[in-house]
Amino acid sequence: MAALLGLALGAVVATQAWVPGSFSGPALFAATVSGLAVGSIFALAAAGLVVTYVTSGIFNVAQGAIGMLMAFLYWELRVNQGWPAPLCLFLVLGLAAPAFGMACEVLIMRRIRNAPVVQQVMVTVGLMLALIGIVGTLWPSAEISRSLPHLFGTEGFHIAGTVVTWHRLTAIGLAALVSVALRLLLFRTRFGVAMRACVDDRELAALHGARPDVASMAAWALGSTLAALAGIMLAPEIPFSVAPLTLLIIDAFAAAILGRLHSLPLTFLGAVLLGLLNAYAITFL
């Protein structure tokens, strides 16, 4: 009943807000490509949320802020320092993001593992605010107008009169690949099963040969890396500033909830649907 009411309300809003003459085949295709790309980026951030929650039981409200921090770090290396993109991606995604995730797990998350849910959430909110303050101090927004280039510039190919950039195609492919790879990791590998077992009963998992601390560190390193990847991919698509990148957590949270914080395929599907709805609303309403 709630779903039907929501659909009815959405139909009424769409009818009242529709922009006459906005609908056309090329416009629909362009909005679909944009929605798929942005939704795929939402899926990357949401996948990181799901991984850390499934393996640690902690919902990380700072996921968007971590992606924002790493996007600014990538901008510093790529644009401000002029380093090659592959090197910058390696340093941010291969070193900085995993190291940050492991540090968060060791210094913060491990200490609140058995705390009430409200305290866990408030700690991650505090981490989010701290990261916003750090980025605002290191890269003051009033000093310079920043922008982050697409991974492959504006290059792409044409379909039905619409330019499909390699950046957006890469985002879609990465999201699908990550979703499948994480599913296989968590449910088809011994280490993935150990990661999930540690959140249920760490002592019992340790008795069966698992290493709970290592599993938790790996999960947070992976979650931080996915947040960084989402931030870097999203930054060229939106205004490059602290607030829009940090608020990535809202869309990631919605997608993760659609996946019930456990199902990666449903999370991916939910994120893509959110991206499409967002693109259609911007284009036609």
Protein backbone atom coordinates (compact mmCIF):
# COMPACT_ATOMS: atom_id res chain seq x y z
CA MET A 1 0.00 0.00 0.00
CA ALA A 2 2.81 2.41 0.87
CA ALA A 3 4.53 1.66 -2.42
CA LEU A 4 1.34 2.31 -4.37
CA LEU A 5 0.79 5.60 -2.55
CA GLY A 6 4.37 6.59 -3.29
CA LEU A 7 3.94 5.81 -7.00
CA ALA A 8 0.69 7.75 -7.09
CA LEU A 9 2.29 10.75 -5.39
CA GLY A 10 5.23 10.59 -7.77
CA ALA A 11 2.86 10.51 -10.75
CA VAL A 12 0.99 13.58 -9.48
CA VAL A 13 4.22 15.52 -8.87
CA ALA A 14 5.58 14.56 -12.28
CA THR A 15 2.36 15.61 -13.99
CA GLN A 16 2.35 19.02 -12.30
CA ALA A 17 6.08 19.67 -12.79
CA TRP A 18 6.42 18.39 -16.36
CA VAL A 19 8.17 20.84 -18.71
CA PRO A 20 6.15 21.00 -21.96
CA GLY A 21 8.16 20.12 -25.05
CA SER A 22 11.08 18.71 -23.07
CA PHE A 23 10.57 15.11 -24.11
CA SER A 24 12.30 13.74 -27.20
CA GLY A 25 14.19 10.62 -28.18
CA PRO A 26 17.67 12.19 -27.99
CA ALA A 27 16.84 13.89 -24.66
CA LEU A 28 15.62 10.60 -23.22
CA PHE A 29 18.73 8.76 -24.36
CA ALA A 30 21.06 11.47 -23.03
CA ALA A 31 19.29 11.44 -19.67
CA THR A 32 19.48 7.64 -19.56
CA VAL A 33 23.23 7.63 -20.19
CA SER A 34 23.77 10.30 -17.55
CA GLY A 35 21.52 8.48 -15.07
CA LEU A 36 23.24 5.15 -15.60
CA ALA A 37 26.67 6.73 -15.07
CA VAL A 38 25.73 8.65 -11.93
CA GLY A 39 23.74 5.71 -10.59
CA SER A 40 26.76 3.48 -11.10
CA ILE A 41 28.85 5.90 -9.06
CA PHE A 42 26.20 5.76 -6.33
CA ALA A 43 26.53 1.98 -6.51
CA LEU A 44 30.29 2.16 -5.87
CA ALA A 45 29.80 4.22 -2.72
CA ALA A 46 26.88 2.05 -1.60
CA ALA A 47 28.92 -1.11 -2.11
CA GLY A 48 31.52 0.26 0.29
CA LEU A 49 28.77 0.91 2.84
CA VAL A 50 27.47 -2.63 2.48
CA VAL A 51 30.93 -4.19 2.80
CA THR A 52 31.80 -2.35 6.01
CA TYR A 53 28.36 -2.98 7.50
CA VAL A 54 28.26 -6.69 6.62
CA THR A 55 31.75 -7.28 7.99
CA SER A 56 31.77 -4.98 11.04
CA GLY A 57 28.15 -4.19 11.86
CA ILE A 58 28.89 -0.44 11.80
CA PHE A 59 27.06 1.89 9.43
CA ASN A 60 29.61 4.40 8.19
CA VAL A 61 27.94 7.81 7.82
CA ALA A 62 31.36 9.23 6.86
CA GLN A 63 31.49 7.22 3.61
CA GLY A 64 30.74 10.27 1.48
CA ALA A 65 33.24 12.41 3.40
CA ILE A 66 35.97 9.83 2.83
CA GLY A 67 35.25 9.92 -0.89
CA MET A 68 35.31 13.72 -0.76
CA LEU A 69 38.69 13.75 1.01
CA MET A 70 40.22 11.36 -1.51
CA ALA A 71 38.77 13.32 -4.43
CA PHE A 72 40.46 16.46 -3.12
CA LEU A 73 43.71 14.55 -2.65
CA TYR A 74 43.45 13.29 -6.24
CA TRP A 75 42.80 16.87 -7.41
CA GLU A 76 45.88 18.08 -5.53
CA LEU A 77 48.11 15.50 -7.21
CA ARG A 78 46.51 15.49 -10.65
CA VAL A 79 45.61 19.16 -11.21
CA ASN A 80 47.58 21.25 -8.72
CA GLN A 81 50.81 19.25 -8.93
CA GLY A 82 50.35 18.08 -12.52
CA TRP A 83 51.22 14.42 -11.95
CA PRO A 84 50.11 11.76 -14.46
CA ALA A 85 46.62 10.37 -13.90
CA PRO A 86 47.70 6.69 -13.58
CA LEU A 87 50.21 7.57 -10.88
CA CYS A 88 47.66 9.70 -9.02
CA LEU A 89 45.07 6.92 -9.16
CA PHE A 90 47.60 4.43 -7.82
CA LEU A 91 48.65 6.70 -4.96
CA VAL A 92 45.07 7.55 -3.96
CA LEU A 93 43.26 4.26 -4.61
CA GLY A 94 46.15 1.90 -4.01
CA LEU A 95 47.81 3.55 -1.01
CA ALA A 96 46.07 6.52 0.61
CA ALA A 97 42.48 5.23 0.66
CA PRO A 98 43.26 1.70 1.97
CA ALA A 99 45.66 3.12 4.56
CA PHE A 100 43.02 5.60 5.72
CA GLY A 101 40.42 2.86 6.00
CA MET A 102 42.72 0.63 8.04
CA ALA A 103 43.66 3.54 10.31
CA CYS A 104 39.97 4.29 10.91
CA GLU A 105 39.33 0.66 11.83
CA VAL A 106 42.28 0.40 14.20
CA LEU A 107 41.99 3.79 15.87
CA ILE A 108 38.22 4.32 15.94
CA MET A 109 35.94 1.51 14.79
CA ARG A 110 37.61 -1.22 16.81
CA ARG A 111 36.93 0.75 19.98
CA ILE A 112 33.19 1.11 19.32
CA ARG A 113 32.57 -2.41 18.05
CA ASN A 114 30.41 -3.35 21.03
CA ALA A 115 28.92 0.09 21.63
CA PRO A 116 25.20 0.81 21.16
CA VAL A 117 24.12 1.58 17.60
CA VAL A 118 23.41 5.23 18.39
CA GLN A 119 26.95 5.73 19.67
CA GLN A 120 28.41 4.00 16.61
CA VAL A 121 26.46 6.24 14.26
CA MET A 122 27.38 9.40 16.18
CA VAL A 123 31.07 8.48 16.05
CA THR A 124 30.92 8.15 12.26
CA VAL A 125 29.02 11.46 12.09
CA GLY A 126 31.84 13.01 14.10
CA LEU A 127 34.36 11.53 11.67
CA MET A 128 32.42 13.04 8.77
CA LEU A 129 32.45 16.50 10.36
CA ALA A 130 36.15 16.17 11.14
CA LEU A 131 36.95 15.33 7.52
CA ILE A 132 34.88 18.29 6.31
CA GLY A 133 36.90 20.54 8.63
CA ILE A 134 40.21 19.06 7.50
CA VAL A 135 39.43 19.51 3.81
CA GLY A 136 38.12 23.03 4.42
CA THR A 137 41.39 23.90 6.15
CA LEU A 138 43.74 22.32 3.60
CA TRP A 139 41.83 23.46 0.52
CA PRO A 140 39.89 26.65 1.37
CA SER A 141 37.06 27.04 -1.13
CA ALA A 142 37.27 30.83 -1.12
CA GLU A 143 40.76 30.88 -2.58
CA ILE A 144 40.22 29.10 -5.89
CA SER A 145 37.50 27.65 -8.10
CA ARG A 146 38.37 24.02 -8.64
CA SER A 147 37.30 21.45 -11.20
CA LEU A 148 38.38 17.88 -11.73
CA PRO A 149 38.76 16.64 -15.30
CA HIS A 150 37.16 13.43 -16.52
CA LEU A 151 39.46 10.44 -16.55
CA PHE A 152 39.63 10.43 -20.35
CA GLY A 153 38.83 14.07 -20.93
CA THR A 154 35.77 14.65 -23.10
CA GLU A 155 36.60 11.79 -25.45
CA GLY A 156 33.94 9.22 -26.25
CA PHE A 157 31.72 8.04 -29.05
CA HIS A 158 28.35 9.03 -30.50
CA ILE A 159 25.13 7.04 -30.24
CA ALA A 160 21.86 8.50 -31.54
CA GLY A 161 23.35 11.98 -31.56
CA THR A 162 24.52 11.73 -27.92
CA VAL A 163 28.16 11.71 -26.85
CA VAL A 164 28.86 8.80 -24.51
CA THR A 165 32.14 9.68 -22.79
CA TRP A 166 34.62 7.02 -21.81
CA HIS A 167 34.47 8.38 -18.27
CA ARG A 168 30.79 7.52 -17.95
CA LEU A 169 31.19 4.18 -19.68
CA THR A 170 34.04 3.37 -17.29
CA ALA A 171 31.84 4.25 -14.30
CA ILE A 172 29.11 1.89 -15.49
CA GLY A 173 31.58 -0.93 -16.13
CA LEU A 174 33.38 -0.44 -12.81
CA ALA A 175 30.13 -0.55 -10.84
CA ALA A 176 29.02 -3.78 -12.49
CA LEU A 177 32.47 -5.34 -12.05
CA VAL A 178 32.72 -4.30 -8.40
CA SER A 179 29.26 -5.63 -7.63
CA VAL A 180 30.05 -9.05 -9.09
CA ALA A 181 33.56 -9.19 -7.59
CA LEU A 182 32.38 -8.28 -4.09
CA ARG A 183 29.57 -10.83 -4.28
CA LEU A 184 32.09 -13.52 -5.18
CA LEU A 185 34.51 -12.32 -2.51
CA LEU A 186 32.01 -12.31 0.35
CA PHE A 187 30.13 -15.50 -0.51
CA ARG A 188 32.51 -17.65 -2.55
CA THR A 189 35.91 -17.24 -0.88
CA ARG A 190 37.18 -18.42 2.49
CA PHE A 191 38.41 -14.95 3.40
CA GLY A 192 35.07 -13.38 2.51
CA VAL A 193 33.18 -15.90 4.62
CA ALA A 194 35.58 -15.19 7.47
CA MET A 195 34.92 -11.45 7.09
CA ARG A 196 31.17 -11.99 7.43
CA ALA A 197 31.58 -14.49 10.26
CA CYS A 198 33.60 -12.07 12.35
CA VAL A 199 30.68 -9.68 12.75
CA ASP A 200 28.42 -12.48 14.06
CA ASP A 201 30.84 -14.03 16.54
CA ARG A 202 34.46 -12.95 16.53
CA GLU A 203 35.57 -15.45 19.17
CA LEU A 204 33.96 -18.41 17.39
CA ALA A 205 35.37 -17.29 14.04
CA ALA A 206 38.84 -17.04 15.59
CA LEU A 207 38.54 -20.57 16.96
CA HIS A 208 37.97 -21.79 13.40
CA GLY A 209 41.13 -20.13 12.11
CA ALA A 210 39.82 -16.71 11.10
CA ARG A 211 41.72 -13.54 11.97
CA PRO A 212 39.02 -11.05 12.97
CA ASP A 213 41.26 -8.01 13.25
CA VAL A 214 42.82 -8.59 9.84
CA ALA A 215 39.39 -9.20 8.30
CA SER A 216 38.01 -5.97 9.77
CA MET A 217 41.00 -3.97 8.57
CA ALA A 218 40.63 -5.43 5.08
CA ALA A 219 36.91 -4.61 5.01
CA TRP A 220 37.46 -0.98 6.01
CA ALA A 221 40.35 -0.64 3.57
CA LEU A 222 38.08 -1.92 0.81
CA GLY A 223 35.20 0.32 1.87
CA SER A 224 37.46 3.39 1.93
CA THR A 225 38.86 2.53 -1.51
CA LEU A 226 35.36 2.25 -2.96
CA ALA A 227 34.43 5.59 -1.40
CA ALA A 228 37.53 7.15 -2.96
CA LEU A 229 36.73 5.65 -6.37
CA ALA A 230 33.17 6.96 -6.16
CA GLY A 231 34.40 10.43 -5.17
CA ILE A 232 36.90 10.61 -8.02
CA MET A 233 34.35 9.41 -10.57
CA LEU A 234 31.59 11.71 -9.30
CA ALA A 235 33.65 14.90 -8.95
CA PRO A 236 33.73 15.74 -12.70
CA GLU A 237 29.94 15.26 -12.92
CA ILE A 238 28.95 17.76 -10.20
CA PRO A 239 30.27 21.04 -8.73
CA PHE A 240 33.62 20.14 -7.19
CA SER A 241 33.23 21.26 -3.61
CA VAL A 242 32.91 19.80 -0.12
CA ALA A 243 29.14 19.68 0.31
CA PRO A 244 28.03 17.92 -2.91
CA LEU A 245 30.68 15.21 -2.56
CA THR A 246 29.97 14.66 1.13
CA LEU A 247 26.24 14.34 0.44
CA LEU A 248 27.03 11.36 -1.77
CA ILE A 249 26.29 9.41 1.43
CA ILE A 250 22.57 10.18 1.06
CA ASP A 251 22.24 8.48 -2.32
CA ALA A 252 24.56 5.67 -1.25
CA PHE A 253 22.50 5.14 1.89
CA ALA A 254 19.27 4.99 -0.11
CA ALA A 255 20.74 2.42 -2.50
CA ALA A 256 22.14 0.36 0.37
CA ILE A 257 18.75 0.34 2.09
CA LEU A 258 17.11 -0.87 -1.11
CA GLY A 259 19.64 -3.70 -0.96
CA ARG A 260 18.74 -4.23 2.74
CA LEU A 261 22.40 -3.54 3.62
CA HIS A 262 23.28 -7.08 2.56
CA SER A 263 22.46 -7.71 -1.09
CA LEU A 264 25.04 -6.24 -3.46
CA PRO A 265 23.00 -6.95 -6.63
CA LEU A 266 19.94 -5.21 -5.16
CA THR A 267 22.16 -2.34 -4.00
CA PHE A 268 23.52 -1.96 -7.52
CA LEU A 269 20.00 -2.05 -8.98
CA GLY A 270 18.74 0.49 -6.43
CA ALA A 271 21.61 2.86 -7.14
CA VAL A 272 21.02 2.70 -10.90
CA LEU A 273 17.30 3.38 -10.42
CA LEU A 274 18.08 6.38 -8.23
CA GLY A 275 20.50 7.71 -10.83
CA LEU A 276 17.94 7.32 -13.61
CA LEU A 277 15.16 8.97 -11.62
CA ASN A 278 17.47 11.85 -10.78
CA ALA A 279 18.48 12.33 -14.42
CA TYR A 280 14.91 12.15 -15.68
CA ALA A 281 13.74 14.64 -13.06
CA ILE A 282 16.48 17.13 -13.99
CA THR A 283 15.80 16.75 -17.71
CA PHE A 284 12.01 16.66 -17.89
CA LEU A 285 10.66 18.25 -14.68
